[in-house]
Amino acid sequence: MKVLDIYTTRFAYEPKVKNTEGIDDVTEGAEFNDCLVAFIQVELEDEEKDDLKGREKKLVNHLKWALRKNGCQKVVLHSFAHLSDSKASFEFTKNIFDLAEKRLQNANIETAQTPFGYFLDLDIKAPGFSLARIWANL
């Protein structure tokens, strides 16, 4: 699993092109302030390990650390299949995201997910300081 965390003072998206059949239609965008945006690519190797809970826990531990380093309590999970050539299935990736979101919420962290299966217009305002951008190979 590859993760690129970007601390943002503003993150907004608008759904533009639906690229996956059989998912709900999404027409509304959203905007978030003072949050960590986690660009996450779950890889085929993660799925082949057949350890959904273990992979999800590793992701959550990383995100909690990145949130602490940036002094915020809000994270947006964004599926970003451009960090590696390897891609897990849609279903496995979505399961990890849903389980991670639930665990984060149980820790009183505000969470959101961008819509799966869509190309999105993104608007990102990110300050330039050391830990505002963190890359991890989990």
N, C-alpha and C. Protein backbone atom coordinates (compact mmCIF):
# COMPACT_ATOMS: atom_id res chain seq x y z
N MET A 1 0.85 -1.16 0.00
CA MET A 1 0.00 0.00 0.00
C MET A 1 0.90 1.23 0.00
N LYS A 2 0.56 2.16 -0.85
CA LYS A 2 1.27 3.43 -0.93
C LYS A 2 0.33 4.54 -0.46
N VAL A 3 0.90 5.49 0.30
CA VAL A 3 0.09 6.59 0.83
C VAL A 3 0.87 7.89 0.68
N LEU A 4 0.22 8.89 0.15
CA LEU A 4 0.75 10.24 0.12
C LEU A 4 -0.21 11.11 0.93
N ASP A 5 0.27 11.60 2.08
CA ASP A 5 -0.53 12.46 2.94
C ASP A 5 -0.17 13.91 2.64
N ILE A 6 -1.19 14.73 2.48
CA ILE A 6 -0.97 16.16 2.30
C ILE A 6 -1.86 16.89 3.30
N TYR A 7 -1.21 17.66 4.19
CA TYR A 7 -1.97 18.50 5.10
C TYR A 7 -2.49 19.69 4.29
N THR A 8 -3.78 19.96 4.39
CA THR A 8 -4.38 21.05 3.62
C THR A 8 -5.13 22.01 4.53
N THR A 9 -5.06 23.28 4.19
CA THR A 9 -5.92 24.24 4.86
C THR A 9 -7.29 24.27 4.17
N ARG A 10 -7.32 23.81 2.91
CA ARG A 10 -8.58 23.68 2.18
C ARG A 10 -8.44 22.56 1.17
N PHE A 11 -9.43 21.66 1.14
CA PHE A 11 -9.50 20.59 0.14
C PHE A 11 -10.94 20.50 -0.32
N ALA A 12 -11.14 20.56 -1.62
CA ALA A 12 -12.49 20.46 -2.17
C ALA A 12 -12.45 19.58 -3.41
N TYR A 13 -13.58 18.94 -3.71
CA TYR A 13 -13.67 18.14 -4.92
C TYR A 13 -15.07 18.25 -5.52
N GLU A 14 -15.11 18.02 -6.81
CA GLU A 14 -16.36 17.92 -7.58
C GLU A 14 -16.28 16.67 -8.43
N PRO A 15 -17.27 15.78 -8.36
CA PRO A 15 -17.25 14.61 -9.24
C PRO A 15 -17.45 15.04 -10.69
N LYS A 16 -16.64 14.47 -11.60
CA LYS A 16 -16.73 14.85 -13.01
C LYS A 16 -17.09 13.68 -13.91
N VAL A 17 -16.35 12.58 -13.83
CA VAL A 17 -16.59 11.45 -14.74
C VAL A 17 -16.68 10.17 -13.93
N LYS A 18 -17.81 9.49 -14.07
CA LYS A 18 -17.98 8.19 -13.43
C LYS A 18 -17.24 7.16 -14.29
N ASN A 19 -16.31 6.42 -13.68
CA ASN A 19 -15.52 5.47 -14.46
C ASN A 19 -15.67 4.03 -14.00
N THR A 20 -16.68 3.77 -13.17
CA THR A 20 -16.93 2.42 -12.68
C THR A 20 -18.43 2.14 -12.76
N GLU A 21 -18.77 1.04 -13.38
CA GLU A 21 -20.18 0.66 -13.48
C GLU A 21 -20.67 0.07 -12.16
N GLY A 22 -21.97 0.18 -11.92
CA GLY A 22 -22.59 -0.46 -10.77
C GLY A 22 -22.42 0.27 -9.45
N ILE A 23 -21.99 1.53 -9.49
CA ILE A 23 -21.88 2.31 -8.26
C ILE A 23 -22.92 3.42 -8.28
N ASP A 24 -23.19 3.96 -7.11
CA ASP A 24 -24.18 5.03 -7.00
C ASP A 24 -23.72 6.28 -7.75
N ASP A 25 -24.69 7.01 -8.28
CA ASP A 25 -24.39 8.28 -8.92
C ASP A 25 -24.10 9.33 -7.84
N VAL A 26 -23.06 10.09 -8.04
CA VAL A 26 -22.68 11.17 -7.13
C VAL A 26 -22.59 12.45 -7.95
N THR A 27 -23.33 13.45 -7.54
CA THR A 27 -23.31 14.71 -8.27
C THR A 27 -22.80 15.87 -7.42
N GLU A 28 -22.81 15.71 -6.10
CA GLU A 28 -22.40 16.77 -5.20
C GLU A 28 -20.94 16.61 -4.79
N GLY A 29 -20.25 17.73 -4.73
CA GLY A 29 -18.90 17.75 -4.22
C GLY A 29 -18.90 18.05 -2.74
N ALA A 30 -17.72 18.31 -2.21
CA ALA A 30 -17.59 18.64 -0.79
C ALA A 30 -16.34 19.49 -0.59
N GLU A 31 -16.30 20.17 0.55
CA GLU A 31 -15.15 21.01 0.90
C GLU A 31 -14.80 20.75 2.36
N PHE A 32 -13.50 20.70 2.63
CA PHE A 32 -12.99 20.46 3.98
C PHE A 32 -11.88 21.47 4.28
N ASN A 33 -11.79 21.86 5.54
CA ASN A 33 -10.74 22.78 5.97
C ASN A 33 -9.93 22.14 7.08
N ASP A 34 -8.64 22.51 7.15
CA ASP A 34 -7.75 22.01 8.20
C ASP A 34 -7.82 20.49 8.30
N CYS A 35 -7.38 19.81 7.25
CA CYS A 35 -7.47 18.35 7.25
C CYS A 35 -6.26 17.73 6.56
N LEU A 36 -6.07 16.47 6.87
CA LEU A 36 -5.09 15.66 6.18
C LEU A 36 -5.83 14.94 5.06
N VAL A 37 -5.31 15.04 3.84
CA VAL A 37 -5.88 14.28 2.73
C VAL A 37 -4.91 13.13 2.45
N ALA A 38 -5.42 11.92 2.54
CA ALA A 38 -4.59 10.73 2.33
C ALA A 38 -4.90 10.16 0.95
N PHE A 39 -3.94 10.31 0.04
CA PHE A 39 -4.03 9.73 -1.29
C PHE A 39 -3.51 8.29 -1.16
N ILE A 40 -4.39 7.31 -1.29
CA ILE A 40 -4.06 5.93 -0.93
C ILE A 40 -4.21 5.02 -2.14
N GLN A 41 -3.19 4.21 -2.38
CA GLN A 41 -3.30 3.15 -3.38
C GLN A 41 -3.08 1.81 -2.68
N VAL A 42 -4.14 1.03 -2.62
CA VAL A 42 -4.05 -0.33 -2.11
C VAL A 42 -3.58 -1.19 -3.28
N GLU A 43 -2.55 -2.00 -3.02
CA GLU A 43 -1.93 -2.78 -4.09
C GLU A 43 -2.38 -4.24 -4.07
N LEU A 44 -2.19 -4.90 -5.19
CA LEU A 44 -2.54 -6.31 -5.32
C LEU A 44 -1.85 -7.14 -4.24
N GLU A 45 -0.62 -6.78 -3.90
CA GLU A 45 0.12 -7.50 -2.86
C GLU A 45 -0.61 -7.44 -1.52
N ASP A 46 -1.28 -6.34 -1.23
CA ASP A 46 -2.05 -6.21 0.00
C ASP A 46 -3.21 -7.22 0.00
N GLU A 47 -3.87 -7.33 -1.13
CA GLU A 47 -4.99 -8.24 -1.25
C GLU A 47 -4.53 -9.69 -1.19
N GLU A 48 -3.39 -10.00 -1.80
CA GLU A 48 -2.87 -11.36 -1.83
C GLU A 48 -2.43 -11.84 -0.46
N LYS A 49 -2.11 -10.91 0.43
CA LYS A 49 -1.72 -11.29 1.80
C LYS A 49 -2.91 -11.85 2.57
N ASP A 50 -4.12 -11.61 2.07
CA ASP A 50 -5.35 -12.12 2.69
C ASP A 50 -5.40 -11.72 4.17
N ASP A 51 -5.09 -10.46 4.44
CA ASP A 51 -5.03 -9.94 5.81
C ASP A 51 -5.68 -8.56 5.83
N LEU A 52 -6.96 -8.50 5.53
CA LEU A 52 -7.69 -7.24 5.43
C LEU A 52 -7.54 -6.41 6.70
N LYS A 53 -7.80 -7.02 7.86
CA LYS A 53 -7.74 -6.28 9.12
C LYS A 53 -6.32 -5.79 9.43
N GLY A 54 -5.32 -6.60 9.13
CA GLY A 54 -3.94 -6.20 9.39
C GLY A 54 -3.52 -5.04 8.51
N ARG A 55 -3.90 -5.06 7.24
CA ARG A 55 -3.57 -3.97 6.32
C ARG A 55 -4.29 -2.69 6.74
N GLU A 56 -5.56 -2.83 7.13
CA GLU A 56 -6.34 -1.67 7.58
C GLU A 56 -5.73 -1.07 8.84
N LYS A 57 -5.31 -1.91 9.78
CA LYS A 57 -4.72 -1.42 11.03
C LYS A 57 -3.42 -0.66 10.75
N LYS A 58 -2.62 -1.17 9.83
CA LYS A 58 -1.37 -0.51 9.48
C LYS A 58 -1.65 0.88 8.89
N LEU A 59 -2.66 0.97 8.03
CA LEU A 59 -3.05 2.26 7.45
C LEU A 59 -3.51 3.22 8.55
N VAL A 60 -4.36 2.76 9.43
CA VAL A 60 -4.88 3.63 10.49
C VAL A 60 -3.76 4.12 11.40
N ASN A 61 -2.85 3.25 11.77
CA ASN A 61 -1.73 3.67 12.62
C ASN A 61 -0.91 4.76 11.93
N HIS A 62 -0.67 4.59 10.64
CA HIS A 62 0.07 5.62 9.89
C HIS A 62 -0.71 6.94 9.89
N LEU A 63 -2.00 6.88 9.61
CA LEU A 63 -2.80 8.10 9.54
C LEU A 63 -2.87 8.81 10.89
N LYS A 64 -3.00 8.07 11.97
CA LYS A 64 -3.02 8.69 13.30
C LYS A 64 -1.70 9.41 13.56
N TRP A 65 -0.59 8.79 13.18
CA TRP A 65 0.71 9.41 13.35
C TRP A 65 0.81 10.71 12.54
N ALA A 66 0.39 10.65 11.27
CA ALA A 66 0.45 11.84 10.40
C ALA A 66 -0.47 12.94 10.91
N LEU A 67 -1.63 12.58 11.43
CA LEU A 67 -2.53 13.57 12.01
C LEU A 67 -1.89 14.26 13.21
N ARG A 68 -1.27 13.48 14.10
CA ARG A 68 -0.59 14.07 15.26
C ARG A 68 0.52 15.02 14.81
N LYS A 69 1.30 14.61 13.83
CA LYS A 69 2.42 15.43 13.36
C LYS A 69 1.94 16.77 12.79
N ASN A 70 0.72 16.78 12.26
CA ASN A 70 0.17 18.00 11.65
C ASN A 70 -0.84 18.71 12.55
N GLY A 71 -1.06 18.18 13.75
CA GLY A 71 -1.92 18.85 14.72
C GLY A 71 -3.36 19.00 14.28
N CYS A 72 -3.89 18.00 13.58
CA CYS A 72 -5.29 18.09 13.18
C CYS A 72 -6.02 16.78 13.50
N GLN A 73 -7.32 16.84 13.47
CA GLN A 73 -8.16 15.69 13.83
C GLN A 73 -9.17 15.36 12.74
N LYS A 74 -8.81 15.66 11.48
CA LYS A 74 -9.72 15.42 10.38
C LYS A 74 -8.93 14.82 9.23
N VAL A 75 -9.44 13.73 8.63
CA VAL A 75 -8.76 13.10 7.51
C VAL A 75 -9.77 12.77 6.42
N VAL A 76 -9.35 12.99 5.18
CA VAL A 76 -10.14 12.62 4.01
C VAL A 76 -9.40 11.49 3.31
N LEU A 77 -10.07 10.37 3.13
CA LEU A 77 -9.49 9.21 2.45
C LEU A 77 -9.82 9.31 0.97
N HIS A 78 -8.78 9.28 0.15
CA HIS A 78 -8.97 9.43 -1.29
C HIS A 78 -8.26 8.30 -2.02
N SER A 79 -9.01 7.49 -2.73
CA SER A 79 -8.42 6.41 -3.51
C SER A 79 -7.68 7.03 -4.70
N PHE A 80 -6.40 6.71 -4.79
CA PHE A 80 -5.53 7.35 -5.79
C PHE A 80 -4.67 6.28 -6.43
N ALA A 81 -5.12 5.75 -7.55
CA ALA A 81 -4.46 4.61 -8.19
C ALA A 81 -3.34 5.06 -9.13
N HIS A 82 -2.49 5.98 -8.64
CA HIS A 82 -1.40 6.49 -9.47
C HIS A 82 -0.06 6.47 -8.74
N LEU A 83 0.01 5.75 -7.63
CA LEU A 83 1.24 5.70 -6.85
C LEU A 83 2.04 4.43 -7.11
N SER A 84 1.45 3.50 -7.87
CA SER A 84 2.10 2.22 -8.13
C SER A 84 1.43 1.60 -9.36
N ASP A 85 2.13 0.67 -9.99
CA ASP A 85 1.53 -0.08 -11.10
C ASP A 85 0.59 -1.17 -10.61
N SER A 86 0.70 -1.53 -9.35
CA SER A 86 -0.07 -2.62 -8.77
C SER A 86 -1.37 -2.08 -8.17
N LYS A 87 -2.48 -2.74 -8.48
CA LYS A 87 -3.78 -2.29 -7.98
C LYS A 87 -4.56 -3.46 -7.40
N ALA A 88 -5.06 -3.28 -6.19
CA ALA A 88 -5.98 -4.25 -5.59
C ALA A 88 -7.35 -4.07 -6.25
N SER A 89 -8.22 -5.02 -6.01
CA SER A 89 -9.57 -4.93 -6.56
C SER A 89 -10.33 -3.76 -5.93
N PHE A 90 -11.32 -3.30 -6.64
CA PHE A 90 -12.20 -2.23 -6.17
C PHE A 90 -12.79 -2.61 -4.81
N GLU A 91 -13.30 -3.84 -4.71
CA GLU A 91 -13.98 -4.29 -3.50
C GLU A 91 -13.03 -4.34 -2.31
N PHE A 92 -11.83 -4.88 -2.49
CA PHE A 92 -10.86 -4.96 -1.40
C PHE A 92 -10.46 -3.56 -0.93
N THR A 93 -10.20 -2.69 -1.88
CA THR A 93 -9.82 -1.32 -1.54
C THR A 93 -10.93 -0.63 -0.76
N LYS A 94 -12.15 -0.75 -1.23
CA LYS A 94 -13.28 -0.11 -0.56
C LYS A 94 -13.46 -0.66 0.85
N ASN A 95 -13.25 -1.96 1.02
CA ASN A 95 -13.35 -2.56 2.36
C ASN A 95 -12.32 -1.98 3.31
N ILE A 96 -11.08 -1.84 2.84
CA ILE A 96 -10.04 -1.25 3.68
C ILE A 96 -10.42 0.18 4.06
N PHE A 97 -10.89 0.96 3.10
CA PHE A 97 -11.28 2.34 3.38
C PHE A 97 -12.40 2.39 4.43
N ASP A 98 -13.43 1.56 4.26
CA ASP A 98 -14.57 1.57 5.18
C ASP A 98 -14.15 1.15 6.59
N LEU A 99 -13.32 0.11 6.69
CA LEU A 99 -12.85 -0.35 8.00
C LEU A 99 -11.95 0.70 8.66
N ALA A 100 -11.07 1.32 7.87
CA ALA A 100 -10.19 2.36 8.41
C ALA A 100 -11.01 3.55 8.88
N GLU A 101 -12.00 3.94 8.10
CA GLU A 101 -12.83 5.07 8.49
C GLU A 101 -13.54 4.80 9.82
N LYS A 102 -14.06 3.60 9.97
CA LYS A 102 -14.77 3.25 11.22
C LYS A 102 -13.80 3.28 12.41
N ARG A 103 -12.60 2.72 12.24
CA ARG A 103 -11.62 2.71 13.34
C ARG A 103 -11.20 4.14 13.70
N LEU A 104 -11.00 4.99 12.70
CA LEU A 104 -10.63 6.38 12.95
C LEU A 104 -11.75 7.12 13.69
N GLN A 105 -12.99 6.90 13.28
CA GLN A 105 -14.13 7.54 13.94
C GLN A 105 -14.23 7.07 15.39
N ASN A 106 -13.93 5.80 15.65
CA ASN A 106 -13.94 5.29 17.02
C ASN A 106 -12.88 5.97 17.88
N ALA A 107 -11.86 6.54 17.25
CA ALA A 107 -10.81 7.28 17.96
C ALA A 107 -11.11 8.79 17.97
N ASN A 108 -12.37 9.15 17.69
CA ASN A 108 -12.81 10.55 17.68
C ASN A 108 -12.11 11.41 16.65
N ILE A 109 -11.78 10.81 15.52
CA ILE A 109 -11.20 11.53 14.40
C ILE A 109 -12.30 11.73 13.36
N GLU A 110 -12.45 12.96 12.91
CA GLU A 110 -13.44 13.26 11.88
C GLU A 110 -12.94 12.73 10.55
N THR A 111 -13.80 12.02 9.82
CA THR A 111 -13.38 11.38 8.57
C THR A 111 -14.35 11.66 7.44
N ALA A 112 -13.84 11.49 6.24
CA ALA A 112 -14.66 11.54 5.03
C ALA A 112 -13.94 10.71 3.97
N GLN A 113 -14.68 10.31 2.97
CA GLN A 113 -14.10 9.63 1.81
C GLN A 113 -14.57 10.36 0.56
N THR A 114 -13.66 10.49 -0.39
CA THR A 114 -14.08 10.98 -1.69
C THR A 114 -14.81 9.84 -2.40
N PRO A 115 -15.67 10.14 -3.38
CA PRO A 115 -16.43 9.08 -4.05
C PRO A 115 -15.53 8.12 -4.83
N PHE A 116 -15.74 6.84 -4.61
CA PHE A 116 -15.03 5.80 -5.36
C PHE A 116 -15.60 5.71 -6.76
N GLY A 117 -14.74 5.44 -7.73
CA GLY A 117 -15.19 5.20 -9.09
C GLY A 117 -15.45 6.46 -9.89
N TYR A 118 -14.87 7.58 -9.47
CA TYR A 118 -15.05 8.85 -10.16
C TYR A 118 -13.72 9.54 -10.38
N PHE A 119 -13.61 10.22 -11.51
CA PHE A 119 -12.55 11.20 -11.68
C PHE A 119 -13.10 12.49 -11.08
N LEU A 120 -12.28 13.16 -10.30
CA LEU A 120 -12.73 14.34 -9.56
C LEU A 120 -11.91 15.56 -9.95
N ASP A 121 -12.56 16.71 -9.98
CA ASP A 121 -11.83 17.97 -10.00
C ASP A 121 -11.43 18.24 -8.56
N LEU A 122 -10.15 18.50 -8.33
CA LEU A 122 -9.64 18.75 -6.98
C LEU A 122 -9.18 20.19 -6.84
N ASP A 123 -9.42 20.75 -5.68
CA ASP A 123 -8.93 22.08 -5.34
C ASP A 123 -8.22 21.93 -4.00
N ILE A 124 -6.90 22.14 -4.00
CA ILE A 124 -6.09 21.88 -2.82
C ILE A 124 -5.28 23.13 -2.47
N LYS A 125 -5.37 23.52 -1.21
CA LYS A 125 -4.51 24.59 -0.69
C LYS A 125 -3.70 23.97 0.44
N ALA A 126 -2.41 23.85 0.20
CA ALA A 126 -1.53 23.16 1.14
C ALA A 126 -0.34 24.04 1.50
N PRO A 127 -0.15 24.28 2.79
CA PRO A 127 1.00 25.08 3.22
C PRO A 127 2.30 24.32 3.02
N GLY A 128 3.38 25.06 2.93
CA GLY A 128 4.68 24.45 2.72
C GLY A 128 5.50 24.37 3.99
N PHE A 129 5.34 23.30 4.72
CA PHE A 129 6.23 23.04 5.85
C PHE A 129 6.55 21.55 5.88
N SER A 130 7.54 21.19 6.65
CA SER A 130 8.18 19.88 6.58
C SER A 130 7.23 18.69 6.54
N LEU A 131 6.35 18.55 7.50
CA LEU A 131 5.50 17.36 7.57
C LEU A 131 4.13 17.56 6.93
N ALA A 132 3.97 18.61 6.15
CA ALA A 132 2.71 18.83 5.44
C ALA A 132 2.54 17.82 4.30
N ARG A 133 3.64 17.17 3.92
CA ARG A 133 3.60 16.13 2.88
C ARG A 133 4.41 14.95 3.37
N ILE A 134 3.73 13.80 3.45
CA ILE A 134 4.38 12.57 3.94
C ILE A 134 4.04 11.45 2.98
N TRP A 135 5.06 10.73 2.54
CA TRP A 135 4.87 9.57 1.68
C TRP A 135 5.22 8.33 2.47
N ALA A 136 4.43 7.27 2.32
CA ALA A 136 4.71 6.03 3.03
C ALA A 136 4.44 4.83 2.16
N ASN A 137 5.26 3.83 2.33
CA ASN A 137 5.07 2.52 1.71
C ASN A 137 4.74 1.57 2.84
N LEU A 138 3.46 1.26 3.00
CA LEU A 138 3.01 0.46 4.16
C LEU A 138 2.98 -1.03 3.82
